[in-house]
């Protein structure tokens, strides 16, 4: 059964406080299995027989908004996909003080990509890989000129952002599973990631 990580937007921000035990229950109400929350920033790990991540994203988001009274955009990644996010070469930039990773519903179109890259500066750099954007910040986030813009506004797309350290902790806590292939257990290959 596939294991997913739900990265929720707007949980415990802007007055939208949600206790993790309630959040866990809301996921269980949808019939999702082995539900666990991780850190109080809207990270939920669960199992589901569904392999249609897009439909599952919408189903969860609708249920959360109905139950909580505010929208909580839901971005799903399998445990394999989340592990692969950490393979991108952007995370090897030791000049960055902090790396933030934005999760999107789809790859940004060329126009959005160009608008984001227009914000490159001495303190901020960006890499786009499929449905993730890596923001390399060489100063404190609040001191960055880009902080007042933000990834959503720059791209014109919804996103949820996590510190790369949080993503690494998630991957460490919920490591990529091994899959059965031809009766043998083989490690799922992590695709190489190149910066753009």
C-alpha atoms as a PDB file:
ATOM      1  CA  UNK A   1       0.000   0.000   0.000  1.00  0.00           C
ATOM      2  CA  UNK A   2       1.524   3.354  -1.021  1.00  0.00           C
ATOM      3  CA  UNK A   3       2.681   5.679   1.728  1.00  0.00           C
ATOM      4  CA  UNK A   4       2.118   9.384   1.224  1.00  0.00           C
ATOM      5  CA  UNK A   5       3.276  12.550   2.937  1.00  0.00           C
ATOM      6  CA  UNK A   6       0.692  15.347   2.948  1.00  0.00           C
ATOM      7  CA  UNK A   7       2.241  18.804   3.157  1.00  0.00           C
ATOM      8  CA  UNK A   8      -0.529  21.175   4.151  1.00  0.00           C
ATOM      9  CA  UNK A   9      -0.626  24.907   3.511  1.00  0.00           C
ATOM     10  CA  UNK A  10      -1.694  27.343   6.228  1.00  0.00           C
ATOM     11  CA  UNK A  11      -1.828  25.014   9.231  1.00  0.00           C
ATOM     12  CA  UNK A  12      -0.948  26.764  12.510  1.00  0.00           C
ATOM     13  CA  UNK A  13      -0.303  30.009  10.671  1.00  0.00           C
ATOM     14  CA  UNK A  14      -2.304  33.226  10.659  1.00  0.00           C
ATOM     15  CA  UNK A  15      -4.533  32.153  13.526  1.00  0.00           C
ATOM     16  CA  UNK A  16      -5.475  28.824  11.933  1.00  0.00           C
ATOM     17  CA  UNK A  17      -4.540  26.662  14.907  1.00  0.00           C
ATOM     18  CA  UNK A  18      -5.153  22.931  14.634  1.00  0.00           C
ATOM     19  CA  UNK A  19      -4.122  20.361  17.217  1.00  0.00           C
ATOM     20  CA  UNK A  20      -2.276  17.431  15.743  1.00  0.00           C
ATOM     21  CA  UNK A  21      -4.561  14.824  17.293  1.00  0.00           C
ATOM     22  CA  UNK A  22      -7.533  16.456  15.566  1.00  0.00           C
ATOM     23  CA  UNK A  23      -5.678  16.621  12.279  1.00  0.00           C
ATOM     24  CA  UNK A  24      -4.860  12.927  12.581  1.00  0.00           C
ATOM     25  CA  UNK A  25      -8.524  12.115  13.219  1.00  0.00           C
ATOM     26  CA  UNK A  26      -9.639  14.097  10.160  1.00  0.00           C
ATOM     27  CA  UNK A  27      -7.378  11.997   7.951  1.00  0.00           C
ATOM     28  CA  UNK A  28      -8.626   8.803   9.569  1.00  0.00           C
ATOM     29  CA  UNK A  29     -12.207   9.860   8.833  1.00  0.00           C
ATOM     30  CA  UNK A  30     -11.341   9.510   5.144  1.00  0.00           C
ATOM     31  CA  UNK A  31     -10.368   5.879   5.636  1.00  0.00           C
ATOM     32  CA  UNK A  32      -6.624   6.570   5.410  1.00  0.00           C
ATOM     33  CA  UNK A  33      -4.433   4.130   7.294  1.00  0.00           C
ATOM     34  CA  UNK A  34      -1.514   4.369   9.739  1.00  0.00           C
ATOM     35  CA  UNK A  35      -1.895   8.134  10.017  1.00  0.00           C
ATOM     36  CA  UNK A  36       0.813  10.063  11.851  1.00  0.00           C
ATOM     37  CA  UNK A  37       1.534  13.773  12.151  1.00  0.00           C
ATOM     38  CA  UNK A  38       5.054  15.165  12.162  1.00  0.00           C
ATOM     39  CA  UNK A  39       5.863  18.569  13.668  1.00  0.00           C
ATOM     40  CA  UNK A  40       2.980  21.002  14.093  1.00  0.00           C
ATOM     41  CA  UNK A  41       3.403  22.674  10.701  1.00  0.00           C
ATOM     42  CA  UNK A  42       0.971  20.500   8.762  1.00  0.00           C
ATOM     43  CA  UNK A  43       2.860  17.332   7.828  1.00  0.00           C
ATOM     44  CA  UNK A  44       0.797  14.141   7.810  1.00  0.00           C
ATOM     45  CA  UNK A  45       2.039  10.689   6.851  1.00  0.00           C
ATOM     46  CA  UNK A  46      -0.459   7.993   5.896  1.00  0.00           C
ATOM     47  CA  UNK A  47      -1.125   4.950   3.741  1.00  0.00           C
ATOM     48  CA  UNK A  48      -3.782   4.628   1.066  1.00  0.00           C
ATOM     49  CA  UNK A  49      -4.646   2.045  -1.552  1.00  0.00           C
ATOM     50  CA  UNK A  50      -5.268   4.891  -4.001  1.00  0.00           C
ATOM     51  CA  UNK A  51      -2.592   5.524  -6.604  1.00  0.00           C
ATOM     52  CA  UNK A  52      -4.322   8.653  -7.910  1.00  0.00           C
ATOM     53  CA  UNK A  53      -2.493  11.300  -5.907  1.00  0.00           C
ATOM     54  CA  UNK A  54      -4.297  14.187  -7.628  1.00  0.00           C
ATOM     55  CA  UNK A  55      -7.738  12.908  -6.681  1.00  0.00           C
ATOM     56  CA  UNK A  56      -6.524  12.157  -3.169  1.00  0.00           C
ATOM     57  CA  UNK A  57      -5.160  15.689  -2.779  1.00  0.00           C
ATOM     58  CA  UNK A  58      -8.543  17.165  -3.691  1.00  0.00           C
ATOM     59  CA  UNK A  59     -10.452  14.755  -1.466  1.00  0.00           C
ATOM     60  CA  UNK A  60      -8.315  15.614   1.568  1.00  0.00           C
ATOM     61  CA  UNK A  61      -8.409  19.368   0.900  1.00  0.00           C
ATOM     62  CA  UNK A  62     -12.207  19.389   0.593  1.00  0.00           C
ATOM     63  CA  UNK A  63     -12.626  17.432   3.824  1.00  0.00           C
ATOM     64  CA  UNK A  64     -10.208  19.656   5.722  1.00  0.00           C
ATOM     65  CA  UNK A  65     -11.851  22.884   4.574  1.00  0.00           C
ATOM     66  CA  UNK A  66     -15.306  21.563   5.442  1.00  0.00           C
ATOM     67  CA  UNK A  67     -14.134  20.422   8.888  1.00  0.00           C
ATOM     68  CA  UNK A  68     -11.797  23.278   9.814  1.00  0.00           C
ATOM     69  CA  UNK A  69     -13.627  26.186   8.216  1.00  0.00           C
ATOM     70  CA  UNK A  70     -10.668  27.440   6.206  1.00  0.00           C
ATOM     71  CA  UNK A  71      -8.841  26.201   3.095  1.00  0.00           C
ATOM     72  CA  UNK A  72      -5.839  23.938   3.606  1.00  0.00           C
ATOM     73  CA  UNK A  73      -4.286  23.219   0.234  1.00  0.00           C
ATOM     74  CA  UNK A  74      -2.858  19.710   0.263  1.00  0.00           C
ATOM     75  CA  UNK A  75       0.325  18.734  -1.567  1.00  0.00           C
ATOM     76  CA  UNK A  76       1.028  15.004  -1.683  1.00  0.00           C
ATOM     77  CA  UNK A  77       4.325  13.236  -2.279  1.00  0.00           C
ATOM     78  CA  UNK A  78       5.052   9.538  -1.922  1.00  0.00           C
ATOM     79  CA  UNK A  79       7.879   8.623   0.415  1.00  0.00           C
ATOM     80  CA  UNK A  80       9.997   7.877  -2.689  1.00  0.00           C
ATOM     81  CA  UNK A  81       9.243  11.278  -4.186  1.00  0.00           C
ATOM     82  CA  UNK A  82      10.057  13.083  -0.946  1.00  0.00           C
ATOM     83  CA  UNK A  83      13.373  11.245  -0.639  1.00  0.00           C
ATOM     84  CA  UNK A  84      14.204  12.231  -4.223  1.00  0.00           C
ATOM     85  CA  UNK A  85      13.608  15.909  -3.375  1.00  0.00           C
ATOM     86  CA  UNK A  86      16.718  15.796  -1.181  1.00  0.00           C
ATOM     87  CA  UNK A  87      18.843  14.514  -4.078  1.00  0.00           C
ATOM     88  CA  UNK A  88      18.740  17.826  -5.947  1.00  0.00           C
ATOM     89  CA  UNK A  89      22.115  19.482  -6.342  1.00  0.00           C
ATOM     90  CA  UNK A  90      20.741  22.767  -4.990  1.00  0.00           C
ATOM     91  CA  UNK A  91      21.110  21.301  -1.503  1.00  0.00           C
ATOM     92  CA  UNK A  92      24.866  21.108  -2.027  1.00  0.00           C
ATOM     93  CA  UNK A  93      25.211  24.906  -2.182  1.00  0.00           C
ATOM     94  CA  UNK A  94      27.152  25.550   0.994  1.00  0.00           C
ATOM     95  CA  UNK A  95      26.991  29.293   0.436  1.00  0.00           C
ATOM     96  CA  UNK A  96      23.322  29.262   1.386  1.00  0.00           C
ATOM     97  CA  UNK A  97      22.505  29.908   5.024  1.00  0.00           C
ATOM     98  CA  UNK A  98      19.175  28.124   4.633  1.00  0.00           C
ATOM     99  CA  UNK A  99      17.424  26.244   1.842  1.00  0.00           C
ATOM    100  CA  UNK A 100      13.646  26.362   1.644  1.00  0.00           C
ATOM    101  CA  UNK A 101      11.698  23.954  -0.546  1.00  0.00           C
ATOM    102  CA  UNK A 102       8.350  24.938  -2.040  1.00  0.00           C
ATOM    103  CA  UNK A 103       6.003  22.143  -3.066  1.00  0.00           C
ATOM    104  CA  UNK A 104       3.664  22.832  -5.984  1.00  0.00           C
ATOM    105  CA  UNK A 105       0.782  21.031  -7.676  1.00  0.00           C
ATOM    106  CA  UNK A 106       2.516  21.096 -11.048  1.00  0.00           C
ATOM    107  CA  UNK A 107       5.691  22.220 -12.765  1.00  0.00           C
ATOM    108  CA  UNK A 108       5.723  26.010 -13.247  1.00  0.00           C
ATOM    109  CA  UNK A 109       5.164  27.162 -16.835  1.00  0.00           C
ATOM    110  CA  UNK A 110       7.971  29.065 -18.558  1.00  0.00           C
ATOM    111  CA  UNK A 111       6.409  32.444 -17.774  1.00  0.00           C
ATOM    112  CA  UNK A 112       6.233  31.710 -14.043  1.00  0.00           C
ATOM    113  CA  UNK A 113       9.756  30.304 -14.088  1.00  0.00           C
ATOM    114  CA  UNK A 114      11.065  33.517 -15.675  1.00  0.00           C
ATOM    115  CA  UNK A 115       9.264  35.720 -13.143  1.00  0.00           C
ATOM    116  CA  UNK A 116      10.790  33.779 -10.264  1.00  0.00           C
ATOM    117  CA  UNK A 117      14.303  33.964 -11.706  1.00  0.00           C
ATOM    118  CA  UNK A 118      13.940  37.745 -12.033  1.00  0.00           C
ATOM    119  CA  UNK A 119      14.205  37.839  -8.226  1.00  0.00           C
ATOM    120  CA  UNK A 120      17.693  36.323  -8.162  1.00  0.00           C
ATOM    121  CA  UNK A 121      20.104  38.497  -6.209  1.00  0.00           C
ATOM    122  CA  UNK A 122      23.282  38.347  -4.134  1.00  0.00           C
ATOM    123  CA  UNK A 123      21.253  36.961  -1.248  1.00  0.00           C
ATOM    124  CA  UNK A 124      18.683  34.808  -3.029  1.00  0.00           C
ATOM    125  CA  UNK A 125      18.920  32.125  -5.689  1.00  0.00           C
ATOM    126  CA  UNK A 126      16.364  29.660  -7.005  1.00  0.00           C
ATOM    127  CA  UNK A 127      16.252  26.286  -8.693  1.00  0.00           C
ATOM    128  CA  UNK A 128      13.158  24.667 -10.178  1.00  0.00           C
ATOM    129  CA  UNK A 129      12.825  20.923 -10.562  1.00  0.00           C
ATOM    130  CA  UNK A 130       9.479  19.571 -11.685  1.00  0.00           C
ATOM    131  CA  UNK A 131       7.003  20.327  -8.825  1.00  0.00           C
ATOM    132  CA  UNK A 132       9.570  21.722  -6.371  1.00  0.00           C
ATOM    133  CA  UNK A 133      11.280  25.085  -6.070  1.00  0.00           C
ATOM    134  CA  UNK A 134      14.463  25.467  -4.048  1.00  0.00           C
ATOM    135  CA  UNK A 135      15.063  28.875  -2.496  1.00  0.00           C
ATOM    136  CA  UNK A 136      18.678  29.330  -1.444  1.00  0.00           C
ATOM    137  CA  UNK A 137      18.747  32.153   1.077  1.00  0.00           C
ATOM    138  CA  UNK A 138      22.150  33.530   2.063  1.00  0.00           C
ATOM    139  CA  UNK A 139      20.830  35.693   4.880  1.00  0.00           C
ATOM    140  CA  UNK A 140      18.091  35.489   7.477  1.00  0.00           C
ATOM    141  CA  UNK A 141      14.752  34.956   5.763  1.00  0.00           C
ATOM    142  CA  UNK A 142      13.258  38.134   7.219  1.00  0.00           C
ATOM    143  CA  UNK A 143      16.261  40.149   5.976  1.00  0.00           C
ATOM    144  CA  UNK A 144      15.864  38.927   2.418  1.00  0.00           C
ATOM    145  CA  UNK A 145      14.217  41.276  -0.111  1.00  0.00           C
ATOM    146  CA  UNK A 146      12.429  38.213  -1.510  1.00  0.00           C
ATOM    147  CA  UNK A 147      10.757  37.542   1.842  1.00  0.00           C
ATOM    148  CA  UNK A 148       8.260  40.338   1.121  1.00  0.00           C
ATOM    149  CA  UNK A 149       7.477  38.810  -2.258  1.00  0.00           C
ATOM    150  CA  UNK A 150       7.315  35.097  -1.540  1.00  0.00           C
ATOM    151  CA  UNK A 151       7.300  32.102  -3.839  1.00  0.00           C
ATOM    152  CA  UNK A 152       3.530  32.034  -4.392  1.00  0.00           C
ATOM    153  CA  UNK A 153       3.377  35.658  -5.525  1.00  0.00           C
ATOM    154  CA  UNK A 154       6.509  35.334  -7.648  1.00  0.00           C
ATOM    155  CA  UNK A 155       5.195  32.254  -9.444  1.00  0.00           C
ATOM    156  CA  UNK A 156       1.493  33.071  -9.383  1.00  0.00           C
ATOM    157  CA  UNK A 157       0.901  29.530  -8.106  1.00  0.00           C
ATOM    158  CA  UNK A 158      -0.169  27.964  -4.827  1.00  0.00           C
ATOM    159  CA  UNK A 159       2.599  26.359  -2.804  1.00  0.00           C
ATOM    160  CA  UNK A 160       3.576  25.276   0.658  1.00  0.00           C
ATOM    161  CA  UNK A 161       7.114  25.812   1.904  1.00  0.00           C
ATOM    162  CA  UNK A 162       9.285  23.746   4.220  1.00  0.00           C
ATOM    163  CA  UNK A 163      12.803  24.246   5.505  1.00  0.00           C
ATOM    164  CA  UNK A 164      15.089  21.630   3.942  1.00  0.00           C
ATOM    165  CA  UNK A 165      15.963  20.483   7.456  1.00  0.00           C
ATOM    166  CA  UNK A 166      12.314  19.625   8.100  1.00  0.00           C
ATOM    167  CA  UNK A 167      12.142  17.657   4.855  1.00  0.00           C
ATOM    168  CA  UNK A 168      15.318  15.780   5.801  1.00  0.00           C
ATOM    169  CA  UNK A 169      13.846  14.895   9.196  1.00  0.00           C
ATOM    170  CA  UNK A 170      10.672  13.635   7.519  1.00  0.00           C
ATOM    171  CA  UNK A 171      12.681  11.417   5.181  1.00  0.00           C
ATOM    172  CA  UNK A 172      14.775  10.133   8.059  1.00  0.00           C
ATOM    173  CA  UNK A 173      11.703   9.341  10.163  1.00  0.00           C
ATOM    174  CA  UNK A 174       9.802   7.759   7.260  1.00  0.00           C
ATOM    175  CA  UNK A 175      12.470   6.277   4.979  1.00  0.00           C
ATOM    176  CA  UNK A 176      11.774   5.274   1.427  1.00  0.00           C
ATOM    177  CA  UNK A 177      10.346   1.769   1.369  1.00  0.00           C
ATOM    178  CA  UNK A 178      11.676  -1.134  -0.606  1.00  0.00           C
ATOM    179  CA  UNK A 179       9.514  -2.570  -3.337  1.00  0.00           C
ATOM    180  CA  UNK A 180       8.892  -6.128  -4.519  1.00  0.00           C
ATOM    181  CA  UNK A 181      10.053  -6.722  -8.088  1.00  0.00           C
ATOM    182  CA  UNK A 182      10.069 -10.194  -9.570  1.00  0.00           C
ATOM    183  CA  UNK A 183       9.929 -11.715  -6.113  1.00  0.00           C
ATOM    184  CA  UNK A 184      13.045  -9.863  -4.992  1.00  0.00           C
ATOM    185  CA  UNK A 185      13.236  -6.796  -2.794  1.00  0.00           C
ATOM    186  CA  UNK A 186      15.088  -4.007  -4.547  1.00  0.00           C
ATOM    187  CA  UNK A 187      15.734  -0.473  -3.446  1.00  0.00           C
ATOM    188  CA  UNK A 188      13.815   2.103  -5.443  1.00  0.00           C
ATOM    189  CA  UNK A 189      16.294   4.203  -7.403  1.00  0.00           C
ATOM    190  CA  UNK A 190      16.340   7.875  -6.584  1.00  0.00           C
ATOM    191  CA  UNK A 191      16.393   9.837  -9.830  1.00  0.00           C
ATOM    192  CA  UNK A 192      19.244  12.270 -10.322  1.00  0.00           C
ATOM    193  CA  UNK A 193      18.189  15.883 -10.037  1.00  0.00           C
ATOM    194  CA  UNK A 194      19.709  18.736 -11.967  1.00  0.00           C
ATOM    195  CA  UNK A 195      19.237  22.415 -11.298  1.00  0.00           C
ATOM    196  CA  UNK A 196      17.550  24.754 -13.732  1.00  0.00           C
END
